Amino acid sequence: MNTILIILIGIFFASIGQIFLKFGISDTGQISTFTLSSLLGLIFNIPVLIGLLCYGIGTIFWLIALSREELSFVYPFISLTFIIILFASFFLFSEKIGAMRILGTIVIIFGLLIIIRG
């Protein structure tokens, strides 16, 4: 399997994991103090568990990618999660996305293109 594809699969699972964590914590509510009760609420929260599972799968793909390429090549791809999360925040959580976030995302895309071409 192509290393770029492996990286993208890892990024996909990491992003999906983050989205599920947000769904889970939205159900739980804001955590003001870290208590046994709040910890148990997170442990038994299905979206949080799915999010952690997705992170685990993403980590496996990430390790495979790191075994094939240099860290300085692989690591910048983590910025793709910013782009995926930006769109997910807007479409799934109705978050407002300002011009500066969009500009920052464009800069990230150009930076990745430079790294891939280099």
PDB file of N, CA and C in Angstrom:
ATOM      1  N   MET A   1       0.851  -1.179   0.000  1.00  0.00           N
ATOM      2  CA  MET A   1       0.000   0.000   0.000  1.00  0.00           C
ATOM      3  C   MET A   1       0.895   1.240   0.000  1.00  0.00           C
ATOM      4  N   ASN A   2       0.505   2.240  -0.750  1.00  0.00           N
ATOM      5  CA  ASN A   2       1.234   3.493  -0.855  1.00  0.00           C
ATOM      6  C   ASN A   2       1.303   4.192   0.513  1.00  0.00           C
ATOM      7  N   THR A   3       2.461   4.759   0.851  1.00  0.00           N
ATOM      8  CA  THR A   3       2.646   5.403   2.153  1.00  0.00           C
ATOM      9  C   THR A   3       1.730   6.604   2.332  1.00  0.00           C
ATOM     10  N   ILE A   4       1.531   7.379   1.276  1.00  0.00           N
ATOM     11  CA  ILE A   4       0.624   8.534   1.375  1.00  0.00           C
ATOM     12  C   ILE A   4      -0.793   8.063   1.715  1.00  0.00           C
ATOM     13  N   LEU A   5      -1.227   6.974   1.112  1.00  0.00           N
ATOM     14  CA  LEU A   5      -2.553   6.431   1.415  1.00  0.00           C
ATOM     15  C   LEU A   5      -2.629   5.986   2.881  1.00  0.00           C
ATOM     16  N   ILE A   6      -1.581   5.363   3.365  1.00  0.00           N
ATOM     17  CA  ILE A   6      -1.537   4.939   4.776  1.00  0.00           C
ATOM     18  C   ILE A   6      -1.635   6.157   5.689  1.00  0.00           C
ATOM     19  N   ILE A   7      -0.908   7.206   5.351  1.00  0.00           N
ATOM     20  CA  ILE A   7      -0.966   8.439   6.142  1.00  0.00           C
ATOM     21  C   ILE A   7      -2.388   9.003   6.127  1.00  0.00           C
ATOM     22  N   LEU A   8      -3.005   9.045   4.962  1.00  0.00           N
ATOM     23  CA  LEU A   8      -4.358   9.598   4.840  1.00  0.00           C
ATOM     24  C   LEU A   8      -5.387   8.785   5.621  1.00  0.00           C
ATOM     25  N   ILE A   9      -5.224   7.474   5.624  1.00  0.00           N
ATOM     26  CA  ILE A   9      -6.127   6.633   6.425  1.00  0.00           C
ATOM     27  C   ILE A   9      -5.948   6.937   7.911  1.00  0.00           C
ATOM     28  N   GLY A  10      -4.713   7.081   8.334  1.00  0.00           N
ATOM     29  CA  GLY A  10      -4.448   7.443   9.731  1.00  0.00           C
ATOM     30  C   GLY A  10      -5.053   8.783  10.095  1.00  0.00           C
ATOM     31  N   ILE A  11      -4.899   9.765   9.203  1.00  0.00           N
ATOM     32  CA  ILE A  11      -5.462  11.097   9.423  1.00  0.00           C
ATOM     33  C   ILE A  11      -6.988  11.029   9.483  1.00  0.00           C
ATOM     34  N   PHE A  12      -7.578  10.239   8.598  1.00  0.00           N
ATOM     35  CA  PHE A  12      -9.026  10.070   8.586  1.00  0.00           C
ATOM     36  C   PHE A  12      -9.520   9.546   9.937  1.00  0.00           C
ATOM     37  N   PHE A  13      -8.888   8.482  10.430  1.00  0.00           N
ATOM     38  CA  PHE A  13      -9.328   7.911  11.705  1.00  0.00           C
ATOM     39  C   PHE A  13      -9.083   8.859  12.875  1.00  0.00           C
ATOM     40  N   ALA A  14      -7.982   9.597  12.841  1.00  0.00           N
ATOM     41  CA  ALA A  14      -7.724  10.572  13.905  1.00  0.00           C
ATOM     42  C   ALA A  14      -8.792  11.666  13.903  1.00  0.00           C
ATOM     43  N   SER A  15      -9.174  12.117  12.712  1.00  0.00           N
ATOM     44  CA  SER A  15     -10.198  13.156  12.611  1.00  0.00           C
ATOM     45  C   SER A  15     -11.563  12.643  13.056  1.00  0.00           C
ATOM     46  N   ILE A  16     -11.918  11.452  12.620  1.00  0.00           N
ATOM     47  CA  ILE A  16     -13.192  10.856  13.035  1.00  0.00           C
ATOM     48  C   ILE A  16     -13.196  10.671  14.558  1.00  0.00           C
ATOM     49  N   GLY A  17     -12.058  10.266  15.096  1.00  0.00           N
ATOM     50  CA  GLY A  17     -11.945  10.123  16.547  1.00  0.00           C
ATOM     51  C   GLY A  17     -12.229  11.434  17.260  1.00  0.00           C
ATOM     52  N   GLN A  18     -11.659  12.515  16.761  1.00  0.00           N
ATOM     53  CA  GLN A  18     -11.871  13.830  17.370  1.00  0.00           C
ATOM     54  C   GLN A  18     -13.343  14.246  17.287  1.00  0.00           C
ATOM     55  N   ILE A  19     -13.975  13.943  16.170  1.00  0.00           N
ATOM     56  CA  ILE A  19     -15.394  14.282  15.996  1.00  0.00           C
ATOM     57  C   ILE A  19     -16.253  13.504  16.995  1.00  0.00           C
ATOM     58  N   PHE A  20     -15.962  12.215  17.161  1.00  0.00           N
ATOM     59  CA  PHE A  20     -16.724  11.428  18.136  1.00  0.00           C
ATOM     60  C   PHE A  20     -16.461  11.894  19.568  1.00  0.00           C
ATOM     61  N   LEU A  21     -15.234  12.293  19.856  1.00  0.00           N
ATOM     62  CA  LEU A  21     -14.951  12.820  21.195  1.00  0.00           C
ATOM     63  C   LEU A  21     -15.784  14.077  21.460  1.00  0.00           C
ATOM     64  N   LYS A  22     -15.901  14.928  20.447  1.00  0.00           N
ATOM     65  CA  LYS A  22     -16.703  16.143  20.599  1.00  0.00           C
ATOM     66  C   LYS A  22     -18.175  15.801  20.791  1.00  0.00           C
ATOM     67  N   PHE A  23     -18.698  14.846  20.007  1.00  0.00           N
ATOM     68  CA  PHE A  23     -20.087  14.413  20.213  1.00  0.00           C
ATOM     69  C   PHE A  23     -20.275  13.891  21.637  1.00  0.00           C
ATOM     70  N   GLY A  24     -19.325  13.091  22.097  1.00  0.00           N
ATOM     71  CA  GLY A  24     -19.440  12.505  23.430  1.00  0.00           C
ATOM     72  C   GLY A  24     -19.405  13.534  24.537  1.00  0.00           C
ATOM     73  N   ILE A  25     -18.486  14.476  24.416  1.00  0.00           N
ATOM     74  CA  ILE A  25     -18.371  15.479  25.473  1.00  0.00           C
ATOM     75  C   ILE A  25     -19.537  16.459  25.411  1.00  0.00           C
ATOM     76  N   SER A  26     -20.106  16.635  24.221  1.00  0.00           N
ATOM     77  CA  SER A  26     -21.297  17.491  24.112  1.00  0.00           C
ATOM     78  C   SER A  26     -22.464  16.866  24.868  1.00  0.00           C
ATOM     79  N   ASP A  27     -22.551  15.524  24.832  1.00  0.00           N
ATOM     80  CA  ASP A  27     -23.590  14.826  25.597  1.00  0.00           C
ATOM     81  C   ASP A  27     -23.351  14.947  27.095  1.00  0.00           C
ATOM     82  N   THR A  28     -22.095  14.857  27.484  1.00  0.00           N
ATOM     83  CA  THR A  28     -21.721  14.882  28.903  1.00  0.00           C
ATOM     84  C   THR A  28     -21.839  16.279  29.486  1.00  0.00           C
ATOM     85  N   GLY A  29     -21.453  17.272  28.724  1.00  0.00           N
ATOM     86  CA  GLY A  29     -21.458  18.650  29.209  1.00  0.00           C
ATOM     87  C   GLY A  29     -20.070  19.055  29.644  1.00  0.00           C
ATOM     88  N   GLN A  30     -19.959  20.303  29.997  1.00  0.00           N
ATOM     89  CA  GLN A  30     -18.669  20.867  30.379  1.00  0.00           C
ATOM     90  C   GLN A  30     -18.144  20.215  31.653  1.00  0.00           C
ATOM     91  N   ILE A  31     -16.856  19.895  31.646  1.00  0.00           N
ATOM     92  CA  ILE A  31     -16.218  19.313  32.822  1.00  0.00           C
ATOM     93  C   ILE A  31     -15.506  20.442  33.560  1.00  0.00           C
ATOM     94  N   SER A  32     -16.025  20.801  34.724  1.00  0.00           N
ATOM     95  CA  SER A  32     -15.423  21.893  35.487  1.00  0.00           C
ATOM     96  C   SER A  32     -14.378  21.371  36.475  1.00  0.00           C
ATOM     97  N   THR A  33     -14.625  20.201  37.024  1.00  0.00           N
ATOM     98  CA  THR A  33     -13.641  19.570  37.905  1.00  0.00           C
ATOM     99  C   THR A  33     -13.514  18.109  37.507  1.00  0.00           C
ATOM    100  N   PHE A  34     -12.325  17.594  37.641  1.00  0.00           N
ATOM    101  CA  PHE A  34     -12.080  16.204  37.261  1.00  0.00           C
ATOM    102  C   PHE A  34     -12.294  15.336  38.489  1.00  0.00           C
ATOM    103  N   THR A  35     -13.429  14.640  38.519  1.00  0.00           N
ATOM    104  CA  THR A  35     -13.776  13.780  39.647  1.00  0.00           C
ATOM    105  C   THR A  35     -13.960  12.350  39.156  1.00  0.00           C
ATOM    106  N   LEU A  36     -14.094  11.437  40.079  1.00  0.00           N
ATOM    107  CA  LEU A  36     -14.356  10.046  39.719  1.00  0.00           C
ATOM    108  C   LEU A  36     -15.660   9.937  38.935  1.00  0.00           C
ATOM    109  N   SER A  37     -16.637  10.707  39.326  1.00  0.00           N
ATOM    110  CA  SER A  37     -17.928  10.694  38.641  1.00  0.00           C
ATOM    111  C   SER A  37     -17.783  11.158  37.187  1.00  0.00           C
ATOM    112  N   SER A  38     -17.033  12.242  36.968  1.00  0.00           N
ATOM    113  CA  SER A  38     -16.858  12.730  35.592  1.00  0.00           C
ATOM    114  C   SER A  38     -16.023  11.749  34.778  1.00  0.00           C
ATOM    115  N   LEU A  39     -15.055  11.106  35.411  1.00  0.00           N
ATOM    116  CA  LEU A  39     -14.239  10.112  34.714  1.00  0.00           C
ATOM    117  C   LEU A  39     -15.083   8.911  34.302  1.00  0.00           C
ATOM    118  N   LEU A  40     -15.919   8.434  35.199  1.00  0.00           N
ATOM    119  CA  LEU A  40     -16.798   7.310  34.875  1.00  0.00           C
ATOM    120  C   LEU A  40     -17.793   7.686  33.784  1.00  0.00           C
ATOM    121  N   GLY A  41     -18.265   8.937  33.821  1.00  0.00           N
ATOM    122  CA  GLY A  41     -19.168   9.408  32.780  1.00  0.00           C
ATOM    123  C   GLY A  41     -18.519   9.369  31.411  1.00  0.00           C
ATOM    124  N   LEU A  42     -17.227   9.656  31.360  1.00  0.00           N
ATOM    125  CA  LEU A  42     -16.504   9.612  30.090  1.00  0.00           C
ATOM    126  C   LEU A  42     -16.212   8.178  29.661  1.00  0.00           C
ATOM    127  N   ILE A  43     -15.846   7.345  30.618  1.00  0.00           N
ATOM    128  CA  ILE A  43     -15.492   5.958  30.306  1.00  0.00           C
ATOM    129  C   ILE A  43     -16.685   5.211  29.707  1.00  0.00           C
ATOM    130  N   PHE A  44     -17.880   5.486  30.194  1.00  0.00           N
ATOM    131  CA  PHE A  44     -19.062   4.768  29.727  1.00  0.00           C
ATOM    132  C   PHE A  44     -19.843   5.544  28.659  1.00  0.00           C
ATOM    133  N   ASN A  45     -19.246   6.559  28.108  1.00  0.00           N
ATOM    134  CA  ASN A  45     -19.859   7.352  27.058  1.00  0.00           C
ATOM    135  C   ASN A  45     -19.502   6.727  25.709  1.00  0.00           C
ATOM    136  N   ILE A  46     -20.490   6.193  25.009  1.00  0.00           N
ATOM    137  CA  ILE A  46     -20.249   5.443  23.764  1.00  0.00           C
ATOM    138  C   ILE A  46     -19.519   6.282  22.707  1.00  0.00           C
ATOM    139  N   PRO A  47     -19.947   7.526  22.419  1.00  0.00           N
ATOM    140  CA  PRO A  47     -19.196   8.296  21.424  1.00  0.00           C
ATOM    141  C   PRO A  47     -17.727   8.525  21.825  1.00  0.00           C
ATOM    142  N   VAL A  48     -17.465   8.717  23.113  1.00  0.00           N
ATOM    143  CA  VAL A  48     -16.081   8.879  23.571  1.00  0.00           C
ATOM    144  C   VAL A  48     -15.299   7.587  23.324  1.00  0.00           C
ATOM    145  N   LEU A  49     -15.899   6.462  23.629  1.00  0.00           N
ATOM    146  CA  LEU A  49     -15.231   5.172  23.390  1.00  0.00           C
ATOM    147  C   LEU A  49     -14.959   4.952  21.903  1.00  0.00           C
ATOM    148  N   ILE A  50     -15.919   5.300  21.061  1.00  0.00           N
ATOM    149  CA  ILE A  50     -15.710   5.183  19.611  1.00  0.00           C
ATOM    150  C   ILE A  50     -14.585   6.107  19.170  1.00  0.00           C
ATOM    151  N   GLY A  51     -14.569   7.318  19.715  1.00  0.00           N
ATOM    152  CA  GLY A  51     -13.506   8.263  19.390  1.00  0.00           C
ATOM    153  C   GLY A  51     -12.136   7.734  19.767  1.00  0.00           C
ATOM    154  N   LEU A  52     -12.019   7.148  20.944  1.00  0.00           N
ATOM    155  CA  LEU A  52     -10.742   6.577  21.381  1.00  0.00           C
ATOM    156  C   LEU A  52     -10.338   5.390  20.513  1.00  0.00           C
ATOM    157  N   LEU A  53     -11.315   4.569  20.128  1.00  0.00           N
ATOM    158  CA  LEU A  53     -11.038   3.449  19.234  1.00  0.00           C
ATOM    159  C   LEU A  53     -10.517   3.953  17.883  1.00  0.00           C
ATOM    160  N   CYS A  54     -11.157   4.984  17.358  1.00  0.00           N
ATOM    161  CA  CYS A  54     -10.698   5.555  16.088  1.00  0.00           C
ATOM    162  C   CYS A  54      -9.282   6.105  16.212  1.00  0.00           C
ATOM    163  N   TYR A  55      -8.992   6.773  17.317  1.00  0.00           N
ATOM    164  CA  TYR A  55      -7.619   7.252  17.549  1.00  0.00           C
ATOM    165  C   TYR A  55      -6.630   6.089  17.558  1.00  0.00           C
ATOM    166  N   GLY A  56      -7.030   4.992  18.189  1.00  0.00           N
ATOM    167  CA  GLY A  56      -6.163   3.815  18.228  1.00  0.00           C
ATOM    168  C   GLY A  56      -5.890   3.260  16.845  1.00  0.00           C
ATOM    169  N   ILE A  57      -6.919   3.178  16.028  1.00  0.00           N
ATOM    170  CA  ILE A  57      -6.744   2.700  14.650  1.00  0.00           C
ATOM    171  C   ILE A  57      -5.857   3.664  13.870  1.00  0.00           C
ATOM    172  N   GLY A  58      -6.114   4.960  14.041  1.00  0.00           N
ATOM    173  CA  GLY A  58      -5.287   5.959  13.381  1.00  0.00           C
ATOM    174  C   GLY A  58      -3.826   5.858  13.788  1.00  0.00           C
ATOM    175  N   THR A  59      -3.578   5.575  15.055  1.00  0.00           N
ATOM    176  CA  THR A  59      -2.208   5.432  15.556  1.00  0.00           C
ATOM    177  C   THR A  59      -1.505   4.247  14.907  1.00  0.00           C
ATOM    178  N   ILE A  60      -2.223   3.163  14.699  1.00  0.00           N
ATOM    179  CA  ILE A  60      -1.628   1.999  14.038  1.00  0.00           C
ATOM    180  C   ILE A  60      -1.172   2.366  12.624  1.00  0.00           C
ATOM    181  N   PHE A  61      -2.031   3.057  11.878  1.00  0.00           N
ATOM    182  CA  PHE A  61      -1.648   3.480  10.526  1.00  0.00           C
ATOM    183  C   PHE A  61      -0.496   4.492  10.572  1.00  0.00           C
ATOM    184  N   TRP A  62      -0.513   5.348  11.568  1.00  0.00           N
ATOM    185  CA  TRP A  62       0.550   6.335  11.733  1.00  0.00           C
ATOM    186  C   TRP A  62       1.899   5.639  11.962  1.00  0.00           C
ATOM    187  N   LEU A  63       1.887   4.621  12.789  1.00  0.00           N
ATOM    188  CA  LEU A  63       3.121   3.871  13.051  1.00  0.00           C
ATOM    189  C   LEU A  63       3.625   3.168  11.793  1.00  0.00           C
ATOM    190  N   ILE A  64       2.706   2.637  11.001  1.00  0.00           N
ATOM    191  CA  ILE A  64       3.107   2.007   9.743  1.00  0.00           C
ATOM    192  C   ILE A  64       3.765   3.048   8.835  1.00  0.00           C
ATOM    193  N   ALA A  65       3.159   4.235   8.748  1.00  0.00           N
ATOM    194  CA  ALA A  65       3.729   5.299   7.914  1.00  0.00           C
ATOM    195  C   ALA A  65       5.104   5.709   8.421  1.00  0.00           C
ATOM    196  N   LEU A  66       5.251   5.837   9.741  1.00  0.00           N
ATOM    197  CA  LEU A  66       6.547   6.217  10.313  1.00  0.00           C
ATOM    198  C   LEU A  66       7.614   5.159  10.065  1.00  0.00           C
ATOM    199  N   SER A  67       7.190   3.916   9.946  1.00  0.00           N
ATOM    200  CA  SER A  67       8.167   2.858   9.682  1.00  0.00           C
ATOM    201  C   SER A  67       8.668   2.904   8.238  1.00  0.00           C
ATOM    202  N   ARG A  68       7.941   3.614   7.366  1.00  0.00           N
ATOM    203  CA  ARG A  68       8.282   3.646   5.941  1.00  0.00           C
ATOM    204  C   ARG A  68       8.933   4.948   5.487  1.00  0.00           C
ATOM    205  N   GLU A  69       8.664   6.036   6.191  1.00  0.00           N
ATOM    206  CA  GLU A  69       9.140   7.356   5.757  1.00  0.00           C
ATOM    207  C   GLU A  69       9.779   8.090   6.923  1.00  0.00           C
ATOM    208  N   GLU A  70      10.477   9.154   6.576  1.00  0.00           N
ATOM    209  CA  GLU A  70      11.094  10.000   7.594  1.00  0.00           C
ATOM    210  C   GLU A  70      10.017  10.778   8.349  1.00  0.00           C
ATOM    211  N   LEU A  71      10.263  11.021   9.618  1.00  0.00           N
ATOM    212  CA  LEU A  71       9.327  11.765  10.455  1.00  0.00           C
ATOM    213  C   LEU A  71       9.086  13.161   9.885  1.00  0.00           C
ATOM    214  N   SER A  72      10.129  13.785   9.369  1.00  0.00           N
ATOM    215  CA  SER A  72       9.981  15.143   8.829  1.00  0.00           C
ATOM    216  C   SER A  72       9.095  15.184   7.588  1.00  0.00           C
ATOM    217  N   PHE A  73       8.901  14.050   6.928  1.00  0.00           N
ATOM    218  CA  PHE A  73       7.967  13.967   5.804  1.00  0.00           C
ATOM    219  C   PHE A  73       6.561  13.646   6.294  1.00  0.00           C
ATOM    220  N   VAL A  74       6.440  12.694   7.210  1.00  0.00           N
ATOM    221  CA  VAL A  74       5.137  12.203   7.649  1.00  0.00           C
ATOM    222  C   VAL A  74       4.419  13.216   8.549  1.00  0.00           C
ATOM    223  N   TYR A  75       5.135  13.816   9.475  1.00  0.00           N
ATOM    224  CA  TYR A  75       4.484  14.621  10.511  1.00  0.00           C
ATOM    225  C   TYR A  75       3.673  15.802   9.980  1.00  0.00           C
ATOM    226  N   PRO A  76       4.138  16.540   8.979  1.00  0.00           N
ATOM    227  CA  PRO A  76       3.321  17.673   8.507  1.00  0.00           C
ATOM    228  C   PRO A  76       1.921  17.276   8.032  1.00  0.00           C
ATOM    229  N   PHE A  77       1.732  16.024   7.658  1.00  0.00           N
ATOM    230  CA  PHE A  77       0.401  15.591   7.221  1.00  0.00           C
ATOM    231  C   PHE A  77      -0.621  15.662   8.342  1.00  0.00           C
ATOM    232  N   ILE A  78      -0.154  15.714   9.584  1.00  0.00           N
ATOM    233  CA  ILE A  78      -1.081  15.814  10.711  1.00  0.00           C
ATOM    234  C   ILE A  78      -1.923  17.083  10.575  1.00  0.00           C
ATOM    235  N   SER A  79      -1.398  18.068   9.856  1.00  0.00           N
ATOM    236  CA  SER A  79      -2.150  19.310   9.674  1.00  0.00           C
ATOM    237  C   SER A  79      -3.416  19.105   8.852  1.00  0.00           C
ATOM    238  N   LEU A  80      -3.504  18.001   8.130  1.00  0.00           N
ATOM    239  CA  LEU A  80      -4.745  17.708   7.402  1.00  0.00           C
ATOM    240  C   LEU A  80      -5.928  17.549   8.358  1.00  0.00           C
ATOM    241  N   THR A  81      -5.638  17.138   9.587  1.00  0.00           N
ATOM    242  CA  THR A  81      -6.730  17.019  10.560  1.00  0.00           C
ATOM    243  C   THR A  81      -7.373  18.380  10.806  1.00  0.00           C
ATOM    244  N   PHE A  82      -6.583  19.472  10.755  1.00  0.00           N
ATOM    245  CA  PHE A  82      -7.146  20.809  10.940  1.00  0.00           C
ATOM    246  C   PHE A  82      -8.190  21.104   9.872  1.00  0.00           C
ATOM    247  N   ILE A  83      -7.884  20.700   8.654  1.00  0.00           N
ATOM    248  CA  ILE A  83      -8.789  20.969   7.541  1.00  0.00           C
ATOM    249  C   ILE A  83     -10.068  20.159   7.686  1.00  0.00           C
ATOM    250  N   ILE A  84      -9.923  18.882   7.992  1.00  0.00           N
ATOM    251  CA  ILE A  84     -11.098  18.018   8.161  1.00  0.00           C
ATOM    252  C   ILE A  84     -11.957  18.508   9.321  1.00  0.00           C
ATOM    253  N   ILE A  85     -11.315  18.846  10.425  1.00  0.00           N
ATOM    254  CA  ILE A  85     -12.048  19.309  11.604  1.00  0.00           C
ATOM    255  C   ILE A  85     -12.713  20.651  11.349  1.00  0.00           C
ATOM    256  N   LEU A  86     -12.089  21.515  10.551  1.00  0.00           N
ATOM    257  CA  LEU A  86     -12.700  22.796  10.206  1.00  0.00           C
ATOM    258  C   LEU A  86     -14.059  22.570   9.536  1.00  0.00           C
ATOM    259  N   PHE A  87     -14.084  21.694   8.533  1.00  0.00           N
ATOM    260  CA  PHE A  87     -15.343  21.406   7.849  1.00  0.00           C
ATOM    261  C   PHE A  87     -16.329  20.686   8.756  1.00  0.00           C
ATOM    262  N   ALA A  88     -15.850  19.732   9.548  1.00  0.00           N
ATOM    263  CA  ALA A  88     -16.738  19.011  10.469  1.00  0.00           C
ATOM    264  C   ALA A  88     -17.337  19.964  11.498  1.00  0.00           C
ATOM    265  N   SER A  89     -16.535  20.900  11.992  1.00  0.00           N
ATOM    266  CA  SER A  89     -17.034  21.863  12.975  1.00  0.00           C
ATOM    267  C   SER A  89     -18.178  22.690  12.408  1.00  0.00           C
ATOM    268  N   PHE A  90     -18.022  23.065  11.155  1.00  0.00           N
ATOM    269  CA  PHE A  90     -19.048  23.877  10.505  1.00  0.00           C
ATOM    270  C   PHE A  90     -20.308  23.064  10.226  1.00  0.00           C
ATOM    271  N   PHE A  91     -20.148  21.903   9.611  1.00  0.00           N
ATOM    272  CA  PHE A  91     -21.298  21.127   9.162  1.00  0.00           C
ATOM    273  C   PHE A  91     -21.953  20.298  10.268  1.00  0.00           C
ATOM    274  N   LEU A  92     -21.183  19.776  11.196  1.00  0.00           N
ATOM    275  CA  LEU A  92     -21.750  18.896  12.223  1.00  0.00           C
ATOM    276  C   LEU A  92     -22.108  19.620  13.521  1.00  0.00           C
ATOM    277  N   PHE A  93     -21.338  20.666  13.857  1.00  0.00           N
ATOM    278  CA  PHE A  93     -21.545  21.335  15.139  1.00  0.00           C
ATOM    279  C   PHE A  93     -22.002  22.782  14.985  1.00  0.00           C
ATOM    280  N   SER A  94     -22.230  23.209  13.738  1.00  0.00           N
ATOM    281  CA  SER A  94     -22.702  24.572  13.439  1.00  0.00           C
ATOM    282  C   SER A  94     -21.802  25.649  14.039  1.00  0.00           C
ATOM    283  N   GLU A  95     -20.507  25.376  14.070  1.00  0.00           N
ATOM    284  CA  GLU A  95     -19.566  26.366  14.579  1.00  0.00           C
ATOM    285  C   GLU A  95     -19.317  27.421  13.504  1.00  0.00           C
ATOM    286  N   LYS A  96     -19.064  28.642  13.951  1.00  0.00           N
ATOM    287  CA  LYS A  96     -18.778  29.723  13.014  1.00  0.00           C
ATOM    288  C   LYS A  96     -17.309  29.642  12.599  1.00  0.00           C
ATOM    289  N   ILE A  97     -17.079  29.748  11.300  1.00  0.00           N
ATOM    290  CA  ILE A  97     -15.732  29.679  10.756  1.00  0.00           C
ATOM    291  C   ILE A  97     -15.418  31.045  10.154  1.00  0.00           C
ATOM    292  N   GLY A  98     -14.491  31.756  10.779  1.00  0.00           N
ATOM    293  CA  GLY A  98     -14.152  33.090  10.313  1.00  0.00           C
ATOM    294  C   GLY A  98     -13.122  33.081   9.194  1.00  0.00           C
ATOM    295  N   ALA A  99     -12.898  34.269   8.661  1.00  0.00           N
ATOM    296  CA  ALA A  99     -11.966  34.435   7.541  1.00  0.00           C
ATOM    297  C   ALA A  99     -10.541  34.032   7.926  1.00  0.00           C
ATOM    298  N   MET A 100     -10.126  34.310   9.128  1.00  0.00           N
ATOM    299  CA  MET A 100      -8.762  33.983   9.542  1.00  0.00           C
ATOM    300  C   MET A 100      -8.553  32.468   9.616  1.00  0.00           C
ATOM    301  N   ARG A 101      -9.554  31.727  10.036  1.00  0.00           N
ATOM    302  CA  ARG A 101      -9.444  30.262  10.051  1.00  0.00           C
ATOM    303  C   ARG A 101      -9.370  29.715   8.632  1.00  0.00           C
ATOM    304  N   ILE A 102     -10.154  30.296   7.745  1.00  0.00           N
ATOM    305  CA  ILE A 102     -10.103  29.866   6.344  1.00  0.00           C
ATOM    306  C   ILE A 102      -8.740  30.200   5.741  1.00  0.00           C
ATOM    307  N   LEU A 103      -8.236  31.383   6.011  1.00  0.00           N
ATOM    308  CA  LEU A 103      -6.909  31.764   5.514  1.00  0.00           C
ATOM    309  C   LEU A 103      -5.838  30.833   6.071  1.00  0.00           C
ATOM    310  N   GLY A 104      -5.906  30.533   7.340  1.00  0.00           N
ATOM    311  CA  GLY A 104      -4.951  29.606   7.949  1.00  0.00           C
ATOM    312  C   GLY A 104      -5.001  28.228   7.313  1.00  0.00           C
ATOM    313  N   THR A 105      -6.206  27.779   6.985  1.00  0.00           N
ATOM    314  CA  THR A 105      -6.370  26.485   6.327  1.00  0.00           C
ATOM    315  C   THR A 105      -5.742  26.504   4.936  1.00  0.00           C
ATOM    316  N   ILE A 106      -5.904  27.586   4.225  1.00  0.00           N
ATOM    317  CA  ILE A 106      -5.288  27.712   2.895  1.00  0.00           C
ATOM    318  C   ILE A 106      -3.771  27.675   3.007  1.00  0.00           C
ATOM    319  N   VAL A 107      -3.231  28.337   4.013  1.00  0.00           N
ATOM    320  CA  VAL A 107      -1.776  28.312   4.233  1.00  0.00           C
ATOM    321  C   VAL A 107      -1.306  26.892   4.524  1.00  0.00           C
ATOM    322  N   ILE A 108      -2.057  26.152   5.322  1.00  0.00           N
ATOM    323  CA  ILE A 108      -1.721  24.762   5.627  1.00  0.00           C
ATOM    324  C   ILE A 108      -1.691  23.929   4.344  1.00  0.00           C
ATOM    325  N   ILE A 109      -2.691  24.108   3.501  1.00  0.00           N
ATOM    326  CA  ILE A 109      -2.759  23.345   2.250  1.00  0.00           C
ATOM    327  C   ILE A 109      -1.532  23.640   1.386  1.00  0.00           C
ATOM    328  N   PHE A 110      -1.193  24.915   1.246  1.00  0.00           N
ATOM    329  CA  PHE A 110      -0.015  25.257   0.437  1.00  0.00           C
ATOM    330  C   PHE A 110       1.262  24.694   1.053  1.00  0.00           C
ATOM    331  N   GLY A 111       1.372  24.734   2.360  1.00  0.00           N
ATOM    332  CA  GLY A 111       2.537  24.163   3.025  1.00  0.00           C
ATOM    333  C   GLY A 111       2.680  22.682   2.762  1.00  0.00           C
ATOM    334  N   LEU A 112       1.580  21.958   2.818  1.00  0.00           N
ATOM    335  CA  LEU A 112       1.610  20.522   2.520  1.00  0.00           C
ATOM    336  C   LEU A 112       2.005  20.254   1.071  1.00  0.00           C
ATOM    337  N   LEU A 113       1.491  21.044   0.166  1.00  0.00           N
ATOM    338  CA  LEU A 113       1.848  20.882  -1.238  1.00  0.00           C
ATOM    339  C   LEU A 113       3.348  21.090  -1.448  1.00  0.00           C
ATOM    340  N   ILE A 114       3.925  22.046  -0.759  1.00  0.00           N
ATOM    341  CA  ILE A 114       5.361  22.296  -0.853  1.00  0.00           C
ATOM    342  C   ILE A 114       6.132  21.087  -0.327  1.00  0.00           C
ATOM    343  N   ILE A 115       5.706  20.535   0.802  1.00  0.00           N
ATOM    344  CA  ILE A 115       6.391  19.387   1.393  1.00  0.00           C
ATOM    345  C   ILE A 115       6.284  18.157   0.485  1.00  0.00           C
ATOM    346  N   ILE A 116       5.108  17.917  -0.061  1.00  0.00           N
ATOM    347  CA  ILE A 116       4.915  16.743  -0.925  1.00  0.00           C
ATOM    348  C   ILE A 116       5.770  16.868  -2.186  1.00  0.00           C
ATOM    349  N   ARG A 117       5.813  18.061  -2.753  1.00  0.00           N
ATOM    350  CA  ARG A 117       6.608  18.267  -3.977  1.00  0.00           C
ATOM    351  C   ARG A 117       8.106  18.190  -3.702  1.00  0.00           C
ATOM    352  N   GLY A 118       8.496  18.591  -2.482  1.00  0.00           N
ATOM    353  CA  GLY A 118       9.931  18.621  -2.130  1.00  0.00           C
ATOM    354  C   GLY A 118      10.439  17.247  -1.922  1.00  0.00           C
TER     355      GLY A 118
END
